[in-house]
N, C-alpha and C. Protein backbone atom coordinates (compact mmCIF):
# COMPACT_ATOMS: atom_id res chain seq x y z
N UNK A 1 0.85 -1.17 0.00
CA UNK A 1 0.00 0.00 0.00
C UNK A 1 0.90 1.24 0.00
N UNK A 2 0.62 2.16 -0.89
CA UNK A 2 1.39 3.39 -0.97
C UNK A 2 1.04 4.31 0.19
N UNK A 3 2.06 4.94 0.72
CA UNK A 3 1.79 5.89 1.79
C UNK A 3 1.71 7.30 1.20
N UNK A 4 0.98 8.16 1.85
CA UNK A 4 0.82 9.54 1.42
C UNK A 4 1.75 10.40 2.25
N UNK A 5 2.56 11.19 1.59
CA UNK A 5 3.48 12.07 2.31
C UNK A 5 2.70 13.23 2.92
N UNK A 6 2.92 13.45 4.18
CA UNK A 6 2.21 14.54 4.84
C UNK A 6 2.81 15.90 4.52
N UNK A 7 4.05 15.93 4.01
CA UNK A 7 4.68 17.20 3.69
C UNK A 7 4.47 17.61 2.22
N UNK A 8 3.73 16.82 1.48
CA UNK A 8 3.47 17.14 0.07
C UNK A 8 2.51 18.32 -0.03
N UNK A 9 2.80 19.22 -0.95
CA UNK A 9 1.93 20.38 -1.15
C UNK A 9 0.59 19.92 -1.73
N UNK A 10 -0.50 20.50 -1.24
CA UNK A 10 -1.80 20.09 -1.78
C UNK A 10 -1.93 20.54 -3.24
N UNK A 11 -2.63 19.76 -3.98
CA UNK A 11 -2.89 20.11 -5.37
C UNK A 11 -4.06 21.09 -5.39
N UNK A 12 -3.83 22.24 -6.02
CA UNK A 12 -4.88 23.26 -6.11
C UNK A 12 -5.36 23.31 -7.55
N UNK A 13 -6.60 23.00 -7.74
CA UNK A 13 -7.18 23.05 -9.07
C UNK A 13 -7.68 24.46 -9.36
N UNK A 14 -7.58 24.89 -10.60
CA UNK A 14 -8.07 26.24 -10.91
C UNK A 14 -9.59 26.32 -10.79
N UNK A 15 -10.06 27.50 -10.46
CA UNK A 15 -11.48 27.76 -10.44
C UNK A 15 -11.95 27.93 -11.89
N UNK A 16 -13.01 27.25 -12.24
CA UNK A 16 -13.58 27.35 -13.59
C UNK A 16 -14.80 28.27 -13.53
N UNK A 17 -14.86 29.22 -14.44
CA UNK A 17 -15.93 30.21 -14.47
C UNK A 17 -16.54 30.24 -15.87
N UNK A 18 -17.85 30.30 -15.91
CA UNK A 18 -18.57 30.34 -17.18
C UNK A 18 -18.92 31.78 -17.54
N UNK A 19 -18.59 32.16 -18.79
CA UNK A 19 -18.84 33.50 -19.31
C UNK A 19 -19.60 33.36 -20.64
N UNK A 20 -20.57 34.23 -20.86
CA UNK A 20 -21.25 34.26 -22.16
C UNK A 20 -20.66 35.36 -23.03
N UNK A 21 -20.54 35.08 -24.31
CA UNK A 21 -20.19 36.08 -25.31
C UNK A 21 -21.46 36.21 -26.15
N UNK A 22 -22.13 37.35 -26.02
CA UNK A 22 -23.45 37.51 -26.62
C UNK A 22 -23.48 38.75 -27.51
N UNK A 23 -24.55 38.87 -28.26
CA UNK A 23 -24.74 40.01 -29.12
C UNK A 23 -25.60 39.63 -30.31
N UNK A 24 -25.85 40.61 -31.14
CA UNK A 24 -26.74 40.37 -32.28
C UNK A 24 -26.00 39.66 -33.41
N UNK A 25 -26.75 39.31 -34.40
CA UNK A 25 -26.28 38.61 -35.60
C UNK A 25 -25.13 39.37 -36.26
N UNK A 26 -24.02 38.67 -36.47
CA UNK A 26 -22.90 39.23 -37.23
C UNK A 26 -22.02 40.21 -36.49
N UNK A 27 -22.08 40.22 -35.16
CA UNK A 27 -21.32 41.22 -34.40
C UNK A 27 -19.90 40.77 -34.06
N UNK A 28 -19.60 39.48 -34.20
CA UNK A 28 -18.23 39.01 -33.97
C UNK A 28 -18.06 38.06 -32.80
N UNK A 29 -19.13 37.43 -32.35
CA UNK A 29 -19.04 36.51 -31.21
C UNK A 29 -18.14 35.32 -31.50
N UNK A 30 -18.36 34.66 -32.63
CA UNK A 30 -17.54 33.51 -33.02
C UNK A 30 -16.08 33.93 -33.18
N UNK A 31 -15.88 35.09 -33.76
CA UNK A 31 -14.53 35.61 -33.96
C UNK A 31 -13.84 35.83 -32.63
N UNK A 32 -14.54 36.43 -31.66
CA UNK A 32 -13.93 36.67 -30.35
C UNK A 32 -13.57 35.37 -29.64
N UNK A 33 -14.49 34.43 -29.61
CA UNK A 33 -14.21 33.15 -28.95
C UNK A 33 -13.00 32.49 -29.61
N UNK A 34 -12.95 32.49 -30.93
CA UNK A 34 -11.84 31.89 -31.64
C UNK A 34 -10.52 32.60 -31.42
N UNK A 35 -10.56 33.92 -31.31
CA UNK A 35 -9.33 34.70 -31.15
C UNK A 35 -8.69 34.49 -29.78
N UNK A 36 -9.50 34.32 -28.77
CA UNK A 36 -8.99 34.28 -27.41
C UNK A 36 -8.81 32.86 -26.86
N UNK A 37 -9.47 31.88 -27.44
CA UNK A 37 -9.45 30.53 -26.91
C UNK A 37 -8.07 29.88 -27.06
N UNK A 38 -7.63 29.22 -25.98
CA UNK A 38 -6.36 28.51 -26.02
C UNK A 38 -6.53 27.08 -26.53
N UNK A 39 -7.76 26.67 -26.71
CA UNK A 39 -8.05 25.37 -27.32
C UNK A 39 -8.72 25.63 -28.66
N UNK A 40 -8.74 24.62 -29.49
CA UNK A 40 -9.49 24.75 -30.74
C UNK A 40 -10.96 24.93 -30.38
N UNK A 41 -11.55 26.06 -30.76
CA UNK A 41 -12.94 26.31 -30.34
C UNK A 41 -13.93 25.37 -31.02
N UNK A 42 -14.96 25.05 -30.28
CA UNK A 42 -16.09 24.31 -30.83
C UNK A 42 -16.98 25.33 -31.51
N UNK A 43 -17.34 25.06 -32.74
CA UNK A 43 -18.23 25.98 -33.48
C UNK A 43 -19.38 25.18 -34.06
N UNK A 44 -20.54 25.80 -34.07
CA UNK A 44 -21.71 25.17 -34.68
C UNK A 44 -22.22 26.08 -35.79
N UNK A 45 -21.34 26.39 -36.71
CA UNK A 45 -21.70 27.29 -37.81
C UNK A 45 -22.23 26.50 -39.00
N UNK A 46 -23.20 27.09 -39.63
CA UNK A 46 -23.77 26.55 -40.86
C UNK A 46 -23.81 27.67 -41.90
N UNK A 47 -23.86 27.28 -43.15
CA UNK A 47 -23.93 28.26 -44.23
C UNK A 47 -25.28 28.96 -44.22
N UNK A 48 -25.25 30.25 -44.49
CA UNK A 48 -26.50 30.97 -44.70
C UNK A 48 -27.11 30.47 -46.00
N UNK A 49 -28.41 30.31 -46.01
CA UNK A 49 -29.08 29.80 -47.19
C UNK A 49 -30.15 30.78 -47.66
N UNK A 50 -30.76 30.46 -48.78
CA UNK A 50 -31.84 31.30 -49.30
C UNK A 50 -33.02 31.38 -48.34
N UNK A 51 -33.15 30.38 -47.45
CA UNK A 51 -34.26 30.40 -46.49
C UNK A 51 -34.16 31.59 -45.54
N UNK A 52 -32.95 32.14 -45.38
CA UNK A 52 -32.76 33.28 -44.49
C UNK A 52 -33.01 34.62 -45.14
N UNK A 53 -33.25 34.62 -46.46
CA UNK A 53 -33.51 35.89 -47.15
C UNK A 53 -34.81 36.48 -46.61
N UNK A 54 -34.74 37.73 -46.20
CA UNK A 54 -35.89 38.39 -45.62
C UNK A 54 -36.05 38.12 -44.13
N UNK A 55 -35.27 37.17 -43.61
CA UNK A 55 -35.31 36.85 -42.17
C UNK A 55 -34.07 37.43 -41.49
N UNK A 56 -32.90 37.15 -42.07
CA UNK A 56 -31.64 37.65 -41.52
C UNK A 56 -31.30 38.98 -42.18
N UNK A 57 -31.09 39.99 -41.36
CA UNK A 57 -30.72 41.31 -41.87
C UNK A 57 -29.21 41.35 -42.03
N UNK A 58 -28.75 41.36 -43.28
CA UNK A 58 -27.32 41.36 -43.58
C UNK A 58 -26.76 42.78 -43.75
N UNK A 59 -27.52 43.78 -43.38
CA UNK A 59 -27.03 45.15 -43.48
C UNK A 59 -25.76 45.31 -42.65
N UNK A 60 -24.72 45.76 -43.30
CA UNK A 60 -23.44 45.94 -42.63
C UNK A 60 -22.57 44.70 -42.58
N UNK A 61 -23.15 43.55 -42.87
CA UNK A 61 -22.39 42.29 -42.88
C UNK A 61 -22.72 41.49 -44.15
N UNK A 62 -22.77 42.20 -45.25
CA UNK A 62 -23.20 41.59 -46.52
C UNK A 62 -22.32 40.42 -46.95
N UNK A 63 -21.07 40.39 -46.54
CA UNK A 63 -20.15 39.32 -46.93
C UNK A 63 -20.26 38.09 -46.04
N UNK A 64 -21.10 38.13 -45.02
CA UNK A 64 -21.25 37.01 -44.09
C UNK A 64 -21.82 35.80 -44.82
N UNK A 65 -21.19 34.65 -44.64
CA UNK A 65 -21.63 33.43 -45.33
C UNK A 65 -22.07 32.32 -44.38
N UNK A 66 -21.67 32.41 -43.10
CA UNK A 66 -21.99 31.38 -42.12
C UNK A 66 -22.60 32.02 -40.87
N UNK A 67 -23.31 31.22 -40.10
CA UNK A 67 -23.90 31.71 -38.87
C UNK A 67 -23.89 30.62 -37.81
N UNK A 68 -23.79 31.02 -36.55
CA UNK A 68 -23.83 30.08 -35.43
C UNK A 68 -25.28 29.65 -35.21
N UNK A 69 -25.49 28.34 -35.13
CA UNK A 69 -26.86 27.83 -34.95
C UNK A 69 -27.11 27.24 -33.57
N UNK A 70 -26.08 27.11 -32.76
CA UNK A 70 -26.27 26.61 -31.39
C UNK A 70 -25.38 27.39 -30.42
N UNK A 71 -24.06 27.27 -30.58
CA UNK A 71 -23.15 27.98 -29.69
C UNK A 71 -21.72 27.86 -30.20
N UNK A 72 -20.87 28.68 -29.63
CA UNK A 72 -19.42 28.54 -29.77
C UNK A 72 -18.90 28.22 -28.38
N UNK A 73 -17.78 27.51 -28.31
CA UNK A 73 -17.21 27.20 -27.00
C UNK A 73 -15.70 27.32 -27.08
N UNK A 74 -15.12 27.96 -26.08
CA UNK A 74 -13.68 28.08 -25.98
C UNK A 74 -13.26 28.16 -24.53
N UNK A 75 -11.95 28.16 -24.32
CA UNK A 75 -11.41 28.22 -22.96
C UNK A 75 -10.18 29.10 -22.95
N UNK A 76 -10.02 29.88 -21.88
CA UNK A 76 -8.82 30.68 -21.70
C UNK A 76 -8.43 30.65 -20.22
N UNK A 77 -7.14 30.44 -19.98
CA UNK A 77 -6.61 30.49 -18.63
C UNK A 77 -6.19 31.93 -18.36
N UNK A 78 -6.79 32.54 -17.37
CA UNK A 78 -6.49 33.92 -17.01
C UNK A 78 -5.29 33.97 -16.06
N UNK A 79 -5.27 33.04 -15.12
CA UNK A 79 -4.15 32.92 -14.18
C UNK A 79 -4.04 31.46 -13.77
N UNK A 80 -3.03 31.17 -12.94
CA UNK A 80 -2.81 29.78 -12.52
C UNK A 80 -4.04 29.18 -11.84
N UNK A 81 -4.84 30.05 -11.23
CA UNK A 81 -5.99 29.55 -10.49
C UNK A 81 -7.35 29.97 -11.05
N UNK A 82 -7.36 30.46 -12.30
CA UNK A 82 -8.64 30.87 -12.89
C UNK A 82 -8.70 30.56 -14.38
N UNK A 83 -9.70 29.76 -14.74
CA UNK A 83 -9.95 29.38 -16.13
C UNK A 83 -11.36 29.83 -16.50
N UNK A 84 -11.48 30.47 -17.67
CA UNK A 84 -12.79 30.89 -18.15
C UNK A 84 -13.26 29.95 -19.25
N UNK A 85 -14.50 29.50 -19.14
CA UNK A 85 -15.15 28.74 -20.19
C UNK A 85 -16.08 29.71 -20.91
N UNK A 86 -15.86 29.88 -22.18
CA UNK A 86 -16.59 30.87 -22.98
C UNK A 86 -17.66 30.19 -23.80
N UNK A 87 -18.86 30.71 -23.72
CA UNK A 87 -19.99 30.20 -24.49
C UNK A 87 -20.53 31.34 -25.35
N UNK A 88 -20.34 31.24 -26.66
CA UNK A 88 -20.86 32.23 -27.58
C UNK A 88 -22.28 31.88 -27.97
N UNK A 89 -23.17 32.86 -27.90
CA UNK A 89 -24.58 32.63 -28.20
C UNK A 89 -24.84 32.82 -29.70
N UNK A 90 -25.88 32.18 -30.22
CA UNK A 90 -26.30 32.50 -31.59
C UNK A 90 -26.94 33.89 -31.60
N UNK A 91 -26.86 34.56 -32.74
CA UNK A 91 -27.33 35.94 -32.80
C UNK A 91 -28.73 36.16 -33.32
N UNK A 92 -29.27 35.21 -34.08
CA UNK A 92 -30.60 35.44 -34.65
C UNK A 92 -31.71 35.15 -33.65
N UNK A 93 -32.80 35.90 -33.77
CA UNK A 93 -33.93 35.73 -32.87
C UNK A 93 -34.45 34.30 -32.86
N UNK A 94 -34.43 33.64 -34.00
CA UNK A 94 -35.01 32.29 -34.06
C UNK A 94 -34.23 31.27 -33.23
N UNK A 95 -33.01 31.62 -32.79
CA UNK A 95 -32.23 30.73 -31.94
C UNK A 95 -32.19 31.20 -30.49
N UNK A 96 -33.00 32.20 -30.15
CA UNK A 96 -32.96 32.77 -28.81
C UNK A 96 -33.40 31.78 -27.73
N UNK A 97 -34.14 30.75 -28.10
CA UNK A 97 -34.58 29.76 -27.12
C UNK A 97 -33.38 29.06 -26.48
N UNK A 98 -32.22 29.09 -27.11
CA UNK A 98 -31.02 28.46 -26.57
C UNK A 98 -30.36 29.28 -25.47
N UNK A 99 -30.65 30.56 -25.42
CA UNK A 99 -29.95 31.45 -24.50
C UNK A 99 -30.13 31.06 -23.03
N UNK A 100 -31.32 30.65 -22.62
CA UNK A 100 -31.54 30.29 -21.21
C UNK A 100 -30.62 29.15 -20.79
N UNK A 101 -30.49 28.15 -21.63
CA UNK A 101 -29.59 27.03 -21.31
C UNK A 101 -28.14 27.48 -21.28
N UNK A 102 -27.75 28.29 -22.26
CA UNK A 102 -26.37 28.76 -22.31
C UNK A 102 -26.06 29.66 -21.12
N UNK A 103 -27.02 30.46 -20.68
CA UNK A 103 -26.80 31.41 -19.58
C UNK A 103 -26.78 30.75 -18.21
N UNK A 104 -27.33 29.55 -18.11
CA UNK A 104 -27.39 28.87 -16.82
C UNK A 104 -25.98 28.69 -16.24
N UNK A 105 -25.78 29.24 -15.05
CA UNK A 105 -24.50 29.10 -14.36
C UNK A 105 -23.44 30.12 -14.73
N UNK A 106 -23.73 31.01 -15.67
CA UNK A 106 -22.75 32.02 -16.07
C UNK A 106 -22.66 33.12 -15.01
N UNK A 107 -21.44 33.58 -14.73
CA UNK A 107 -21.28 34.66 -13.75
C UNK A 107 -21.44 36.03 -14.39
N UNK A 108 -21.39 36.07 -15.73
CA UNK A 108 -21.51 37.35 -16.42
C UNK A 108 -21.44 37.17 -17.91
N UNK A 109 -21.56 38.29 -18.62
CA UNK A 109 -21.58 38.24 -20.08
C UNK A 109 -20.85 39.43 -20.68
N UNK A 110 -20.29 39.18 -21.84
CA UNK A 110 -19.78 40.24 -22.70
C UNK A 110 -20.84 40.45 -23.76
N UNK A 111 -21.36 41.66 -23.87
CA UNK A 111 -22.30 41.99 -24.93
C UNK A 111 -21.52 42.73 -26.00
N UNK A 112 -21.30 42.07 -27.13
CA UNK A 112 -20.61 42.71 -28.25
C UNK A 112 -21.59 43.62 -28.97
N UNK A 113 -21.12 44.78 -29.38
CA UNK A 113 -21.95 45.74 -30.09
C UNK A 113 -21.21 46.25 -31.32
N UNK A 114 -21.98 46.67 -32.31
CA UNK A 114 -21.45 47.19 -33.57
C UNK A 114 -22.10 48.56 -33.76
N UNK A 115 -21.29 49.62 -33.85
CA UNK A 115 -21.87 50.97 -33.95
C UNK A 115 -22.65 51.18 -35.24
N UNK A 116 -22.44 50.32 -36.24
CA UNK A 116 -23.22 50.45 -37.48
C UNK A 116 -24.66 49.96 -37.27
N UNK A 117 -24.87 49.14 -36.23
CA UNK A 117 -26.18 48.56 -35.95
C UNK A 117 -26.43 48.54 -34.45
N UNK A 118 -26.21 49.67 -33.81
CA UNK A 118 -26.27 49.75 -32.36
C UNK A 118 -27.64 49.37 -31.80
N UNK A 119 -28.70 49.73 -32.51
CA UNK A 119 -30.06 49.43 -32.01
C UNK A 119 -30.31 47.94 -31.89
N UNK A 120 -29.54 47.13 -32.62
CA UNK A 120 -29.70 45.67 -32.54
C UNK A 120 -29.25 45.12 -31.19
N UNK A 121 -28.55 45.93 -30.40
CA UNK A 121 -28.03 45.49 -29.10
C UNK A 121 -29.09 45.48 -28.01
N UNK A 122 -30.19 46.19 -28.20
CA UNK A 122 -31.15 46.35 -27.12
C UNK A 122 -31.75 45.04 -26.63
N UNK A 123 -32.08 44.13 -27.51
CA UNK A 123 -32.67 42.85 -27.08
C UNK A 123 -31.71 42.08 -26.18
N UNK A 124 -30.46 42.08 -26.54
CA UNK A 124 -29.44 41.38 -25.75
C UNK A 124 -29.27 42.05 -24.38
N UNK A 125 -29.19 43.36 -24.37
CA UNK A 125 -29.06 44.09 -23.12
C UNK A 125 -30.26 43.83 -22.21
N UNK A 126 -31.45 43.87 -22.80
CA UNK A 126 -32.67 43.60 -22.03
C UNK A 126 -32.62 42.21 -21.40
N UNK A 127 -32.14 41.23 -22.16
CA UNK A 127 -32.06 39.86 -21.67
C UNK A 127 -31.26 39.80 -20.37
N UNK A 128 -30.08 40.39 -20.36
CA UNK A 128 -29.22 40.32 -19.17
C UNK A 128 -29.72 41.22 -18.05
N UNK A 129 -30.27 42.37 -18.38
CA UNK A 129 -30.81 43.24 -17.34
C UNK A 129 -31.98 42.58 -16.62
N UNK A 130 -32.89 41.94 -17.38
CA UNK A 130 -34.04 41.27 -16.78
C UNK A 130 -33.62 40.14 -15.85
N UNK A 131 -32.53 39.48 -16.16
CA UNK A 131 -32.05 38.35 -15.35
C UNK A 131 -31.02 38.78 -14.30
N UNK A 132 -30.73 40.08 -14.28
CA UNK A 132 -29.75 40.65 -13.35
C UNK A 132 -28.40 39.95 -13.47
N UNK A 133 -28.03 39.65 -14.70
CA UNK A 133 -26.72 39.07 -14.99
C UNK A 133 -25.75 40.20 -15.28
N UNK A 134 -24.64 40.28 -14.54
CA UNK A 134 -23.66 41.34 -14.81
C UNK A 134 -23.11 41.23 -16.23
N UNK A 135 -22.88 42.39 -16.84
CA UNK A 135 -22.32 42.38 -18.20
C UNK A 135 -21.49 43.62 -18.44
N UNK A 136 -20.63 43.51 -19.44
CA UNK A 136 -19.93 44.68 -19.98
C UNK A 136 -20.32 44.76 -21.45
N UNK A 137 -20.23 45.94 -22.00
CA UNK A 137 -20.48 46.13 -23.43
C UNK A 137 -19.13 46.35 -24.09
N UNK A 138 -18.84 45.55 -25.10
CA UNK A 138 -17.60 45.67 -25.86
C UNK A 138 -17.95 46.04 -27.29
N UNK A 139 -17.57 47.24 -27.68
CA UNK A 139 -17.85 47.72 -29.04
C UNK A 139 -16.77 47.16 -29.96
N UNK A 140 -17.20 46.29 -30.87
CA UNK A 140 -16.28 45.69 -31.83
C UNK A 140 -16.03 46.73 -32.92
N UNK A 141 -14.82 47.23 -32.99
CA UNK A 141 -14.49 48.33 -33.89
C UNK A 141 -14.22 47.82 -35.30
N UNK A 142 -15.28 47.67 -36.07
CA UNK A 142 -15.18 47.21 -37.45
C UNK A 142 -14.59 48.30 -38.32
N UNK A 143 -13.84 47.89 -39.34
CA UNK A 143 -13.33 48.86 -40.31
C UNK A 143 -14.51 49.51 -41.02
N UNK A 144 -14.44 50.82 -41.17
CA UNK A 144 -15.50 51.54 -41.85
C UNK A 144 -16.66 51.94 -40.97
N UNK A 145 -16.63 51.54 -39.71
CA UNK A 145 -17.72 51.93 -38.82
C UNK A 145 -17.41 53.29 -38.21
N UNK A 146 -18.45 53.99 -37.82
CA UNK A 146 -18.27 55.29 -37.17
C UNK A 146 -17.55 55.08 -35.85
N UNK A 147 -16.67 55.99 -35.54
CA UNK A 147 -15.93 55.92 -34.27
C UNK A 147 -16.70 56.70 -33.21
N UNK A 148 -17.18 55.98 -32.24
CA UNK A 148 -17.88 56.57 -31.12
C UNK A 148 -17.01 56.43 -29.89
N UNK A 149 -17.16 57.34 -28.95
CA UNK A 149 -16.48 57.18 -27.68
C UNK A 149 -17.30 56.21 -26.82
N UNK A 150 -16.69 55.70 -25.78
CA UNK A 150 -17.44 54.82 -24.88
C UNK A 150 -18.60 55.59 -24.22
N UNK A 151 -18.39 56.88 -23.97
CA UNK A 151 -19.47 57.70 -23.39
C UNK A 151 -20.63 57.82 -24.37
N UNK A 152 -20.33 57.95 -25.69
CA UNK A 152 -21.39 58.01 -26.71
C UNK A 152 -22.21 56.73 -26.70
N UNK A 153 -21.53 55.60 -26.62
CA UNK A 153 -22.23 54.30 -26.63
C UNK A 153 -23.04 54.13 -25.36
N UNK A 154 -22.47 54.52 -24.23
CA UNK A 154 -23.17 54.45 -22.94
C UNK A 154 -24.50 55.21 -23.03
N UNK A 155 -24.44 56.39 -23.60
CA UNK A 155 -25.63 57.23 -23.74
C UNK A 155 -26.61 56.65 -24.76
N UNK A 156 -26.11 56.23 -25.92
CA UNK A 156 -26.97 55.70 -26.98
C UNK A 156 -27.71 54.45 -26.55
N UNK A 157 -27.07 53.63 -25.72
CA UNK A 157 -27.70 52.38 -25.27
C UNK A 157 -28.43 52.55 -23.94
N UNK A 158 -28.42 53.79 -23.41
CA UNK A 158 -29.11 54.08 -22.16
C UNK A 158 -28.68 53.12 -21.04
N UNK A 159 -27.37 52.94 -20.92
CA UNK A 159 -26.83 52.01 -19.94
C UNK A 159 -26.72 52.66 -18.56
N UNK A 160 -26.82 51.84 -17.56
CA UNK A 160 -26.54 52.28 -16.20
C UNK A 160 -25.11 52.81 -16.17
N UNK A 161 -24.86 53.92 -15.47
CA UNK A 161 -23.51 54.49 -15.46
C UNK A 161 -22.44 53.53 -14.95
N UNK A 162 -22.81 52.52 -14.18
CA UNK A 162 -21.85 51.55 -13.67
C UNK A 162 -21.51 50.44 -14.63
N UNK A 163 -22.17 50.40 -15.79
CA UNK A 163 -21.91 49.34 -16.77
C UNK A 163 -20.68 49.72 -17.60
N UNK A 164 -19.62 48.92 -17.52
CA UNK A 164 -18.43 49.23 -18.31
C UNK A 164 -18.68 49.10 -19.82
N UNK A 165 -18.14 50.06 -20.56
CA UNK A 165 -18.17 50.02 -22.03
C UNK A 165 -16.72 50.11 -22.49
N UNK A 166 -16.34 49.18 -23.37
CA UNK A 166 -14.96 49.14 -23.86
C UNK A 166 -14.96 49.09 -25.37
N UNK A 167 -13.89 49.54 -25.97
CA UNK A 167 -13.68 49.38 -27.40
C UNK A 167 -12.77 48.17 -27.58
N UNK A 168 -13.04 47.36 -28.60
CA UNK A 168 -12.21 46.18 -28.79
C UNK A 168 -12.14 45.80 -30.26
N UNK A 169 -11.24 44.90 -30.54
CA UNK A 169 -11.13 44.25 -31.84
C UNK A 169 -11.28 42.77 -31.57
N UNK A 170 -12.44 42.21 -31.90
CA UNK A 170 -12.73 40.81 -31.59
C UNK A 170 -11.78 39.85 -32.28
N UNK A 171 -11.05 40.30 -33.28
CA UNK A 171 -10.08 39.45 -33.98
C UNK A 171 -8.77 39.32 -33.22
N UNK A 172 -8.57 40.21 -32.25
CA UNK A 172 -7.28 40.31 -31.57
C UNK A 172 -7.33 39.65 -30.19
N UNK A 173 -6.43 38.72 -29.95
CA UNK A 173 -6.40 37.98 -28.70
C UNK A 173 -6.22 38.91 -27.49
N UNK A 174 -5.27 39.84 -27.58
CA UNK A 174 -5.00 40.74 -26.46
C UNK A 174 -6.20 41.62 -26.16
N UNK A 175 -6.82 42.15 -27.18
CA UNK A 175 -7.99 43.01 -27.01
C UNK A 175 -9.16 42.22 -26.41
N UNK A 176 -9.40 41.02 -26.91
CA UNK A 176 -10.49 40.19 -26.40
C UNK A 176 -10.24 39.76 -24.96
N UNK A 177 -8.99 39.43 -24.63
CA UNK A 177 -8.64 39.05 -23.27
C UNK A 177 -8.89 40.22 -22.32
N UNK A 178 -8.54 41.43 -22.74
CA UNK A 178 -8.76 42.62 -21.91
C UNK A 178 -10.24 42.82 -21.60
N UNK A 179 -11.10 42.51 -22.56
CA UNK A 179 -12.55 42.61 -22.34
C UNK A 179 -12.98 41.60 -21.27
N UNK A 180 -12.47 40.39 -21.35
CA UNK A 180 -12.82 39.36 -20.37
C UNK A 180 -12.33 39.74 -18.97
N UNK A 181 -11.14 40.28 -18.88
CA UNK A 181 -10.62 40.72 -17.59
C UNK A 181 -11.48 41.86 -17.04
N UNK A 182 -11.90 42.78 -17.90
CA UNK A 182 -12.78 43.88 -17.47
C UNK A 182 -14.10 43.33 -16.93
N UNK A 183 -14.64 42.30 -17.57
CA UNK A 183 -15.87 41.69 -17.08
C UNK A 183 -15.64 41.09 -15.69
N UNK A 184 -14.54 40.36 -15.50
CA UNK A 184 -14.24 39.78 -14.21
C UNK A 184 -14.12 40.86 -13.13
N UNK A 185 -13.42 41.94 -13.45
CA UNK A 185 -13.27 43.04 -12.50
C UNK A 185 -14.63 43.65 -12.16
N UNK A 186 -15.49 43.78 -13.17
CA UNK A 186 -16.83 44.33 -12.94
C UNK A 186 -17.64 43.41 -12.01
N UNK A 187 -17.61 42.12 -12.30
CA UNK A 187 -18.36 41.16 -11.47
C UNK A 187 -17.86 41.20 -10.03
N UNK A 188 -16.53 41.24 -9.85
CA UNK A 188 -15.96 41.26 -8.50
C UNK A 188 -16.25 42.56 -7.75
N UNK A 189 -16.52 43.64 -8.49
CA UNK A 189 -16.79 44.94 -7.83
C UNK A 189 -18.23 45.07 -7.35
N UNK A 190 -19.10 44.18 -7.80
CA UNK A 190 -20.52 44.28 -7.46
C UNK A 190 -20.77 43.78 -6.03
N UNK A 191 -21.74 44.38 -5.34
CA UNK A 191 -22.06 43.90 -3.99
C UNK A 191 -22.64 42.48 -4.05
N UNK A 192 -22.33 41.72 -3.04
CA UNK A 192 -22.78 40.32 -3.01
C UNK A 192 -24.20 40.22 -2.54
């Protein structure tokens, strides 16, 4: 029988935290999860078809050819003792029934926004506000989009002054990681 050394350091497993990456259709959720994930992300993308004509608004994302139909999944280690599991939501209304399952157990959310289609963010914001889920708004700075300040976005979206708004590039690992860290800081700053 093997003996256990009493002087051996205990094994400390990292804390795993669930985060949602949410937003409207074509805002960059899949891109963000893919950019920041340290594992090959799970994607449930399918090609856009003629059935979506008149249903999916491609304004501003005319070159989009695929869409998430269930979720994206990725993982990033923030520190030795903290790992984030990222769940990207589908963006179209017809897949909104999946959001409750995806949101279950999440400590917070990143709401991606696009200044070319800012009004599309309201449904997502309402979802998290109604459930009292902490969130930050990350404006994905697309090429050719109008440059707004974070204060402009805060005002346009009628956000609570305590809701962090950040500018980001969802394609960039460093930028996306900074958004996730900002969300964690926001969640930790809230009263228990």
